C-alpha atoms as a PDB file:
ATOM      1  CA  MET A   1      -0.532 -28.787  -5.132  1.00  0.00           C
ATOM      2  CA  ILE A   2       0.293 -25.322  -3.705  1.00  0.00           C
ATOM      3  CA  GLU A   3       3.697 -23.874  -4.786  1.00  0.00           C
ATOM      4  CA  ILE A   4       5.299 -20.835  -3.396  1.00  0.00           C
ATOM      5  CA  ARG A   5       8.238 -19.061  -5.251  1.00  0.00           C
ATOM      6  CA  ASP A   6       9.905 -15.755  -5.551  1.00  0.00           C
ATOM      7  CA  MET A   7       8.352 -13.683  -8.320  1.00  0.00           C
ATOM      8  CA  GLU A   8       9.767 -14.825 -11.732  1.00  0.00           C
ATOM      9  CA  THR A   9       9.374 -13.144 -15.173  1.00  0.00           C
ATOM     10  CA  LYS A  10       6.310 -15.224 -15.771  1.00  0.00           C
ATOM     11  CA  ASP A  11       4.656 -13.939 -12.610  1.00  0.00           C
ATOM     12  CA  GLU A  12       5.263 -10.282 -13.178  1.00  0.00           C
ATOM     13  CA  TYR A  13       2.108  -9.396 -15.143  1.00  0.00           C
ATOM     14  CA  PHE A  14      -0.127 -11.137 -12.477  1.00  0.00           C
ATOM     15  CA  VAL A  15       1.667  -9.232  -9.646  1.00  0.00           C
ATOM     16  CA  GLY A  16       2.045  -6.018 -11.364  1.00  0.00           C
ATOM     17  CA  THR A  17      -1.660  -5.713 -12.211  1.00  0.00           C
ATOM     18  CA  CYS A  18      -2.735  -6.912  -8.701  1.00  0.00           C
ATOM     19  CA  THR A  19      -4.505  -9.907 -10.490  1.00  0.00           C
ATOM     20  CA  HIS A  20      -6.353  -7.454 -12.881  1.00  0.00           C
ATOM     21  CA  VAL A  21      -5.015  -8.996 -15.943  1.00  0.00           C
ATOM     22  CA  ASP A  22      -6.091  -7.881 -19.323  1.00  0.00           C
ATOM     23  CA  GLU A  23      -8.609  -5.359 -17.880  1.00  0.00           C
ATOM     24  CA  SER A  24      -7.390  -1.903 -19.130  1.00  0.00           C
ATOM     25  CA  GLU A  25      -4.443  -0.078 -20.505  1.00  0.00           C
ATOM     26  CA  GLU A  26      -4.544   2.158 -17.421  1.00  0.00           C
ATOM     27  CA  ILE A  27      -3.932  -0.926 -15.221  1.00  0.00           C
ATOM     28  CA  ASP A  28      -1.213  -2.215 -17.552  1.00  0.00           C
ATOM     29  CA  ALA A  29       0.655   1.277 -17.553  1.00  0.00           C
ATOM     30  CA  CYS A  30       0.390   1.173 -13.702  1.00  0.00           C
ATOM     31  CA  ALA A  31       1.808  -2.283 -13.665  1.00  0.00           C
ATOM     32  CA  ARG A  32       4.829  -1.383 -15.666  1.00  0.00           C
ATOM     33  CA  ARG A  33       5.660   1.518 -13.233  1.00  0.00           C
ATOM     34  CA  ARG A  34       5.114  -0.725 -10.210  1.00  0.00           C
ATOM     35  CA  LEU A  35       7.333  -3.535 -11.667  1.00  0.00           C
ATOM     36  CA  SER A  36      10.183  -1.014 -12.294  1.00  0.00           C
ATOM     37  CA  TRP A  37       9.980   0.045  -8.620  1.00  0.00           C
ATOM     38  CA  LEU A  38       9.822  -3.534  -7.335  1.00  0.00           C
ATOM     39  CA  GLN A  39      12.890  -4.389  -9.296  1.00  0.00           C
ATOM     40  CA  LYS A  40      14.757  -1.316  -7.938  1.00  0.00           C
ATOM     41  CA  LEU A  41      13.849  -2.209  -4.380  1.00  0.00           C
ATOM     42  CA  HIS A  42      14.987  -5.927  -4.859  1.00  0.00           C
ATOM     43  CA  GLU A  43      18.625  -5.083  -3.821  1.00  0.00           C
ATOM     44  CA  LYS A  44      17.364  -3.592  -0.617  1.00  0.00           C
ATOM     45  CA  GLY A  45      15.551  -6.739   0.327  1.00  0.00           C
ATOM     46  CA  LEU A  46      12.121  -6.515  -1.046  1.00  0.00           C
ATOM     47  CA  ARG A  47      10.755  -9.777  -2.132  1.00  0.00           C
ATOM     48  CA  VAL A  48       7.511 -10.881  -3.811  1.00  0.00           C
ATOM     49  CA  LYS A  49       6.286 -14.363  -2.970  1.00  0.00           C
ATOM     50  CA  VAL A  50       3.882 -15.860  -5.499  1.00  0.00           C
ATOM     51  CA  ALA A  51       1.602 -18.720  -4.946  1.00  0.00           C
ATOM     52  CA  THR A  52       0.184 -21.116  -7.634  1.00  0.00           C
ATOM     53  CA  ILE A  53      -2.079 -24.099  -7.551  1.00  0.00           C
ATOM     54  CA  ASN A  54      -1.508 -26.775 -10.045  1.00  0.00           C
ATOM     55  CA  GLY A  55       0.428 -24.186 -12.027  1.00  0.00           C
ATOM     56  CA  SER A  56      -2.114 -21.460 -12.001  1.00  0.00           C
ATOM     57  CA  HIS A  57      -1.594 -18.052 -10.199  1.00  0.00           C
ATOM     58  CA  THR A  58      -3.687 -17.853  -7.031  1.00  0.00           C
ATOM     59  CA  GLY A  59      -2.019 -15.078  -4.816  1.00  0.00           C
ATOM     60  CA  PHE A  60       1.054 -13.149  -3.816  1.00  0.00           C
ATOM     61  CA  LEU A  61       2.534 -11.467  -0.794  1.00  0.00           C
ATOM     62  CA  TYR A  62       4.922  -8.524  -0.653  1.00  0.00           C
ATOM     63  CA  ALA A  63       7.770  -8.608   1.936  1.00  0.00           C
ATOM     64  CA  ILE A  64       9.699  -5.336   2.464  1.00  0.00           C
ATOM     65  CA  PRO A  65      12.317  -4.293   5.002  1.00  0.00           C
ATOM     66  CA  ILE A  66      10.482  -1.804   7.294  1.00  0.00           C
ATOM     67  CA  GLU A  67      13.334   0.756   6.690  1.00  0.00           C
ATOM     68  CA  CYS A  68      12.417   1.098   2.967  1.00  0.00           C
ATOM     69  CA  SER A  69       8.508   0.476   3.087  1.00  0.00           C
ATOM     70  CA  PRO A  70       6.602   3.437   1.715  1.00  0.00           C
ATOM     71  CA  TRP A  71       3.454   1.970   3.275  1.00  0.00           C
ATOM     72  CA  GLY A  72       4.593   2.121   6.865  1.00  0.00           C
ATOM     73  CA  PRO A  73       4.863   1.251   9.621  1.00  0.00           C
ATOM     74  CA  LEU A  74       8.054   2.582  11.258  1.00  0.00           C
ATOM     75  CA  GLY A  75      10.520   0.670  13.059  1.00  0.00           C
ATOM     76  CA  HIS A  76      13.875  -1.273  12.612  1.00  0.00           C
ATOM     77  CA  HIS A  77      14.961  -4.926  11.872  1.00  0.00           C
ATOM     78  CA  LEU A  78      11.483  -6.022  10.792  1.00  0.00           C
ATOM     79  CA  LEU A  79       9.989  -7.265   7.432  1.00  0.00           C
ATOM     80  CA  VAL A  80       6.693  -5.650   6.541  1.00  0.00           C
ATOM     81  CA  ILE A  81       3.831  -7.385   4.801  1.00  0.00           C
ATOM     82  CA  PRO A  82       2.057  -4.489   3.252  1.00  0.00           C
ATOM     83  CA  CYS A  83      -0.284  -6.764   1.251  1.00  0.00           C
ATOM     84  CA  LEU A  84      -1.146 -10.344   0.929  1.00  0.00           C
ATOM     85  CA  TYR A  85      -3.822 -11.223  -1.580  1.00  0.00           C
ATOM     86  CA  VAL A  86      -5.340 -14.690  -2.423  1.00  0.00           C
ATOM     87  CA  LEU A  87      -7.942 -15.396  -5.032  1.00  0.00           C
ATOM     88  CA  SER A  88     -11.088 -17.274  -4.011  1.00  0.00           C
ATOM     89  CA  ASN A  89      -9.703 -20.586  -4.974  1.00  0.00           C
ATOM     90  CA  GLY A  90      -6.665 -20.020  -2.815  1.00  0.00           C
ATOM     91  CA  GLN A  91      -7.572 -22.461  -0.034  1.00  0.00           C
ATOM     92  CA  LYS A  92      -4.457 -22.722   2.125  1.00  0.00           C
ATOM     93  CA  ALA A  93      -2.220 -20.617  -0.116  1.00  0.00           C
ATOM     94  CA  GLY A  94      -2.415 -17.568   2.404  1.00  0.00           C
ATOM     95  CA  LYS A  95      -0.921 -19.553   5.173  1.00  0.00           C
ATOM     96  CA  ALA A  96       1.774 -20.882   2.920  1.00  0.00           C
ATOM     97  CA  LEU A  97       2.637 -17.430   1.776  1.00  0.00           C
ATOM     98  CA  LEU A  98       2.922 -16.344   5.467  1.00  0.00           C
ATOM     99  CA  ASN A  99       5.276 -19.239   6.111  1.00  0.00           C
ATOM    100  CA  ALA A 100       7.298 -18.152   3.160  1.00  0.00           C
ATOM    101  CA  SER A 101       7.668 -14.624   4.525  1.00  0.00           C
ATOM    102  CA  GLU A 102       8.885 -15.976   7.875  1.00  0.00           C
ATOM    103  CA  GLU A 103      11.586 -17.978   6.086  1.00  0.00           C
ATOM    104  CA  GLU A 104      12.504 -14.874   4.216  1.00  0.00           C
ATOM    105  CA  ALA A 105      12.722 -12.774   7.371  1.00  0.00           C
ATOM    106  CA  ARG A 106      14.948 -15.264   9.005  1.00  0.00           C
ATOM    107  CA  ARG A 107      17.059 -15.518   5.780  1.00  0.00           C
ATOM    108  CA  GLN A 108      17.578 -11.690   5.797  1.00  0.00           C
ATOM    109  CA  GLY A 109      18.311 -11.688   9.552  1.00  0.00           C
ATOM    110  CA  GLN A 110      15.204  -9.760  10.424  1.00  0.00           C
ATOM    111  CA  LYS A 111      13.847  -9.930  14.095  1.00  0.00           C
ATOM    112  CA  GLY A 112      10.272 -10.156  13.150  1.00  0.00           C
ATOM    113  CA  ILE A 113       7.325  -9.697  10.839  1.00  0.00           C
ATOM    114  CA  VAL A 114       4.841  -6.768  10.875  1.00  0.00           C
ATOM    115  CA  THR A 115       1.497  -5.962   9.076  1.00  0.00           C
ATOM    116  CA  ILE A 116      -1.342  -3.893   9.313  1.00  0.00           C
ATOM    117  CA  GLY A 117      -4.642  -5.823   9.548  1.00  0.00           C
ATOM    118  CA  TYR A 118      -8.252  -4.684   9.671  1.00  0.00           C
ATOM    119  CA  ARG A 119     -11.184  -5.640  11.958  1.00  0.00           C
ATOM    120  CA  HIS A 120     -13.983  -5.716   9.395  1.00  0.00           C
ATOM    121  CA  ASP A 121     -15.983  -8.071   7.210  1.00  0.00           C
ATOM    122  CA  PHE A 122     -14.246  -6.928   4.059  1.00  0.00           C
ATOM    123  CA  TRP A 123     -11.854  -9.313   2.272  1.00  0.00           C
ATOM    124  CA  PHE A 124      -8.685  -7.042   2.522  1.00  0.00           C
ATOM    125  CA  MET A 125      -6.018  -8.058   5.149  1.00  0.00           C
ATOM    126  CA  PRO A 126      -8.352  -9.358   7.825  1.00  0.00           C
ATOM    127  CA  ALA A 127      -6.687  -9.097  11.294  1.00  0.00           C
ATOM    128  CA  GLY A 128      -8.150 -12.435  12.315  1.00  0.00           C
ATOM    129  CA  PHE A 129      -6.341 -14.279   9.667  1.00  0.00           C
ATOM    130  CA  PHE A 130      -2.927 -13.037  10.925  1.00  0.00           C
ATOM    131  CA  GLU A 131      -3.819 -13.631  14.495  1.00  0.00           C
ATOM    132  CA  ALA A 132      -4.767 -17.150  13.695  1.00  0.00           C
ATOM    133  CA  ASN A 133      -1.292 -17.529  12.371  1.00  0.00           C
ATOM    134  CA  GLY A 134       0.627 -16.366  15.183  1.00  0.00           C
ATOM    135  CA  PHE A 135       0.524 -12.532  14.954  1.00  0.00           C
ATOM    136  CA  VAL A 136      -0.383 -10.414  17.934  1.00  0.00           C
ATOM    137  CA  GLU A 137      -1.552  -6.806  18.114  1.00  0.00           C
ATOM    138  CA  CYS A 138       0.901  -4.115  19.165  1.00  0.00           C
ATOM    139  CA  ALA A 139      -1.686  -2.369  21.315  1.00  0.00           C
ATOM    140  CA  GLN A 140      -2.182   0.338  18.627  1.00  0.00           C
ATOM    141  CA  ALA A 141      -5.340   0.869  16.550  1.00  0.00           C
ATOM    142  CA  ARG A 142      -7.128   3.635  14.560  1.00  0.00           C
ATOM    143  CA  TRP A 143     -10.524   3.815  12.932  1.00  0.00           C
ATOM    144  CA  GLU A 144     -10.142   3.986   9.076  1.00  0.00           C
ATOM    145  CA  SER A 145     -13.853   5.029   8.815  1.00  0.00           C
ATOM    146  CA  SER A 146     -16.327   6.397  11.124  1.00  0.00           C
ATOM    147  CA  GLU A 147     -19.269   4.947   8.945  1.00  0.00           C
ATOM    148  CA  THR A 148     -17.824   1.343   8.611  1.00  0.00           C
ATOM    149  CA  LYS A 149     -16.031   1.213  11.954  1.00  0.00           C
ATOM    150  CA  SER A 150     -13.205  -0.572  10.213  1.00  0.00           C
ATOM    151  CA  ALA A 151     -10.303  -0.615  12.640  1.00  0.00           C
ATOM    152  CA  ALA A 152      -6.715  -0.823  11.454  1.00  0.00           C
ATOM    153  CA  VAL A 153      -4.498  -2.705  13.906  1.00  0.00           C
ATOM    154  CA  LEU A 154      -0.726  -3.098  13.929  1.00  0.00           C
ATOM    155  CA  LEU A 155       0.211  -6.694  14.139  1.00  0.00           C
ATOM    156  CA  TRP A 156       3.531  -8.548  14.465  1.00  0.00           C
ATOM    157  CA  LYS A 157       5.214 -11.767  15.054  1.00  0.00           C
ATOM    158  CA  THR A 158       8.642 -11.709  16.721  1.00  0.00           C
ATOM    159  CA  LEU A 159      11.463 -13.972  15.718  1.00  0.00           C
ATOM    160  CA  ASP A 160      13.919 -12.302  18.239  1.00  0.00           C
ATOM    161  CA  GLY A 161      12.971 -11.059  21.709  1.00  0.00           C
ATOM    162  CA  GLY A 162      15.362  -8.097  21.384  1.00  0.00           C
ATOM    163  CA  VAL A 163      13.404  -6.144  18.836  1.00  0.00           C
ATOM    164  CA  GLN A 164      11.378  -3.014  19.582  1.00  0.00           C
ATOM    165  CA  ALA A 165       7.701  -2.815  18.715  1.00  0.00           C
ATOM    166  CA  PRO A 166       6.949  -0.788  15.463  1.00  0.00           C
ATOM    167  CA  THR A 167       4.603   2.187  15.284  1.00  0.00           C
ATOM    168  CA  LEU A 168       1.895   3.319  12.966  1.00  0.00           C
ATOM    169  CA  LEU A 169       2.400   6.357  10.763  1.00  0.00           C
ATOM    170  CA  ARG A 170       1.246   9.621  12.445  1.00  0.00           C
ATOM    171  CA  PRO A 171       0.093  11.867   9.675  1.00  0.00           C
ATOM    172  CA  ASP A 172       1.417  15.466   9.723  1.00  0.00           C
ATOM    173  CA  TYR A 173      -0.458  17.501   7.203  1.00  0.00           C
ATOM    174  CA  ARG A 174      -0.561  21.339   7.022  1.00  0.00           C
ATOM    175  CA  PHE A 175      -2.487  23.228   4.410  1.00  0.00           C
ATOM    176  CA  ARG A 176      -0.664  26.191   2.918  1.00  0.00           C
ATOM    177  CA  PRO A 177      -3.130  28.342   0.699  1.00  0.00           C
ATOM    178  CA  ILE A 178      -2.335  30.286  -2.352  1.00  0.00           C
ATOM    179  CA  PRO A 179      -4.591  33.201  -2.923  1.00  0.00           C
ATOM    180  CA  GLY A 180      -6.580  32.958  -6.177  1.00  0.00           C
ATOM    181  CA  ARG A 181      -5.444  29.409  -6.786  1.00  0.00           C
ATOM    182  CA  VAL A 182      -6.840  25.943  -5.877  1.00  0.00           C
ATOM    183  CA  VAL A 183      -4.168  23.974  -4.153  1.00  0.00           C
ATOM    184  CA  ILE A 184      -4.102  20.066  -4.337  1.00  0.00           C
ATOM    185  CA  ASP A 185      -1.693  18.228  -2.031  1.00  0.00           C
ATOM    186  CA  LEU A 186      -1.214  14.709  -3.418  1.00  0.00           C
ATOM    187  CA  PHE A 187       0.561  12.041  -1.273  1.00  0.00           C
ATOM    188  CA  TRP A 188       1.091   8.873  -3.031  1.00  0.00           C
ATOM    189  CA  ASN A 189       3.440   5.828  -3.451  1.00  0.00           C
ATOM    190  CA  THR A 190       4.303   3.506  -6.319  1.00  0.00           C
ATOM    191  CA  PHE A 191       3.909   0.267  -4.305  1.00  0.00           C
ATOM    192  CA  CYS A 192       0.076   0.479  -4.101  1.00  0.00           C
ATOM    193  CA  GLN A 193      -1.668   0.086  -7.323  1.00  0.00           C
ATOM    194  CA  THR A 194      -4.611   2.206  -6.110  1.00  0.00           C
ATOM    195  CA  SER A 195      -2.391   5.105  -4.954  1.00  0.00           C
ATOM    196  CA  ASP A 196      -0.361   5.012  -8.141  1.00  0.00           C
ATOM    197  CA  MET A 197      -3.329   4.993 -10.475  1.00  0.00           C
ATOM    198  CA  GLU A 198      -5.186   7.707  -8.697  1.00  0.00           C
ATOM    199  CA  ALA A 199      -2.015   9.900  -8.770  1.00  0.00           C
ATOM    200  CA  GLN A 200      -1.830   9.600 -12.368  1.00  0.00           C
ATOM    201  CA  ARG A 201      -5.609  10.650 -12.617  1.00  0.00           C
ATOM    202  CA  VAL A 202      -5.061  13.605 -10.343  1.00  0.00           C
ATOM    203  CA  ARG A 203      -2.249  14.859 -12.584  1.00  0.00           C
ATOM    204  CA  GLU A 204      -4.263  14.617 -15.565  1.00  0.00           C
ATOM    205  CA  VAL A 205      -7.351  16.201 -14.181  1.00  0.00           C
ATOM    206  CA  ALA A 206      -5.425  18.980 -12.492  1.00  0.00           C
ATOM    207  CA  ALA A 207      -3.862  19.891 -15.826  1.00  0.00           C
ATOM    208  CA  GLU A 208      -7.215  20.477 -17.386  1.00  0.00           C
ATOM    209  CA  PHE A 209      -7.549  23.619 -15.164  1.00  0.00           C
ATOM    210  CA  GLY A 210      -4.289  25.148 -16.195  1.00  0.00           C
ATOM    211  CA  ASP A 211      -2.882  27.889 -13.834  1.00  0.00           C
ATOM    212  CA  SER A 212      -6.011  27.827 -11.678  1.00  0.00           C
ATOM    213  CA  VAL A 213      -4.692  24.790  -9.929  1.00  0.00           C
ATOM    214  CA  VAL A 214      -1.309  24.170  -8.078  1.00  0.00           C
ATOM    215  CA  LEU A 215      -0.481  20.494  -7.618  1.00  0.00           C
ATOM    216  CA  ASN A 216       2.060  19.730  -4.943  1.00  0.00           C
ATOM    217  CA  GLU A 217       3.192  16.000  -4.935  1.00  0.00           C
ATOM    218  CA  TYR A 218       4.714  14.151  -1.876  1.00  0.00           C
ATOM    219  CA  CYS A 219       5.936  10.639  -2.919  1.00  0.00           C
ATOM    220  CA  ALA A 220       6.330   8.317  -0.014  1.00  0.00           C
ATOM    221  CA  ASP A 221       8.779   6.352  -2.046  1.00  0.00           C
ATOM    222  CA  ASP A 222      11.322   9.104  -0.903  1.00  0.00           C
ATOM    223  CA  ARG A 223      12.014   8.114   2.712  1.00  0.00           C
ATOM    224  CA  ALA A 224      12.499  11.630   3.750  1.00  0.00           C
ATOM    225  CA  VAL A 225       9.152  12.550   2.635  1.00  0.00           C
ATOM    226  CA  LEU A 226       7.534   9.700   4.301  1.00  0.00           C
ATOM    227  CA  LEU A 227       9.242  10.471   7.556  1.00  0.00           C
ATOM    228  CA  ARG A 228       8.398  14.069   7.311  1.00  0.00           C
ATOM    229  CA  HIS A 229       4.648  13.744   6.591  1.00  0.00           C
ATOM    230  CA  GLN A 230       3.880  10.174   7.509  1.00  0.00           C
ATOM    231  CA  ILE A 231       1.246   9.936   4.939  1.00  0.00           C
ATOM    232  CA  SER A 232       1.560   7.226   2.270  1.00  0.00           C
ATOM    233  CA  ARG A 233      -1.677   8.061   0.366  1.00  0.00           C
ATOM    234  CA  GLY A 234      -4.023  11.018   0.284  1.00  0.00           C
ATOM    235  CA  ILE A 235      -5.548  13.639  -1.891  1.00  0.00           C
ATOM    236  CA  TYR A 236      -6.275  17.144  -0.285  1.00  0.00           C
ATOM    237  CA  VAL A 237      -8.136  19.744  -2.266  1.00  0.00           C
ATOM    238  CA  GLU A 238      -7.880  23.251  -0.556  1.00  0.00           C
ATOM    239  CA  GLY A 239      -6.814  21.353   2.710  1.00  0.00           C
ATOM    240  CA  HIS A 240      -9.878  18.977   2.635  1.00  0.00           C
ATOM    241  CA  GLU A 241      -9.241  15.345   2.022  1.00  0.00           C
ATOM    242  CA  ILE A 242     -11.225  13.496  -0.755  1.00  0.00           C
ATOM    243  CA  GLY A 243     -11.356   9.727  -1.214  1.00  0.00           C
ATOM    244  CA  TRP A 244     -13.330   6.743  -2.209  1.00  0.00           C
ATOM    245  CA  GLY A 245     -11.362   3.787  -0.934  1.00  0.00           C
ATOM    246  CA  TYR A 246     -10.829   2.575  -4.445  1.00  0.00           C
ATOM    247  CA  GLU A 247      -9.017   4.639  -7.097  1.00  0.00           C
ATOM    248  CA  ALA A 248     -10.313   8.176  -7.141  1.00  0.00           C
ATOM    249  CA  PRO A 249     -12.459   8.601 -10.160  1.00  0.00           C
ATOM    250  CA  ARG A 250     -11.682  11.398 -12.507  1.00  0.00           C
ATOM    251  CA  GLU A 251     -15.187  12.826 -12.250  1.00  0.00           C
ATOM    252  CA  GLY A 252     -14.873  13.000  -8.583  1.00  0.00           C
ATOM    253  CA  ILE A 253     -11.525  14.683  -8.575  1.00  0.00           C
ATOM    254  CA  ARG A 254     -12.871  17.167 -11.200  1.00  0.00           C
ATOM    255  CA  ALA A 255     -15.961  17.904  -9.005  1.00  0.00           C
ATOM    256  CA  ALA A 256     -13.891  18.556  -5.989  1.00  0.00           C
ATOM    257  CA  ILE A 257     -11.700  21.108  -8.001  1.00  0.00           C
ATOM    258  CA  VAL A 258     -14.838  22.728  -9.581  1.00  0.00           C
ATOM    259  CA  GLN A 259     -16.329  23.132  -6.111  1.00  0.00           C
ATOM    260  CA  ALA A 260     -13.179  24.625  -4.777  1.00  0.00           C
ATOM    261  CA  LEU A 261     -13.091  27.156  -7.719  1.00  0.00           C
ATOM    262  CA  SER A 262     -16.699  28.209  -7.059  1.00  0.00           C
ATOM    263  CA  PRO A 263     -17.005  31.655  -5.139  1.00  0.00           C
END
């Protein structure tokens, strides 16, 4: 028996930790920050749909009006699904969550639903799943990795023919050096657990180097910041982006700073 409901208090820990319950205090601290952000955005239309099977948590979906989504894309009158996650026992819960998001879009008077899917053999947001459920590509794509050839594609499902197609973020990053200092430009958002956790790690590691490091933060939660730079997540050390896909490890951040400090 699959049940779909809006997130309740009993669901918050499961959602806040992105299913990583009882794994670490770091994840729990991140969950508290994320839940506070989710609650603040509720009045702007953000909803979290939670799926259970026979009373046990099995997945969730975020639905955010595009005008306040820190993850992108850009557009108007659309509901964004930045993340849909279902555990391996989810069976048909993913489709049920998508149906719930469409009901939510109609309830809010949105003209369509949009998401970013990936053409890869990895579990995260597979484009084929959304296409099998009525989504179509918006004729835009980008390669996320030249090594894995994982293509990110913009997908949408219209509910009203009068809506304009959304667009992907177009990053605008310009490095501004400071003589004698290592400059770190940190782009992050609270929505994504990975981004929020690595942002905290960057702060902690950067602090170890004192005045040798300048840390500039750009939070995509601020709409003006997102529209200016169109980067929802990224770490740049002396103008060079570093990243691991998963949360940036402290030793990796530290090594990048040490290398930048070396003559």
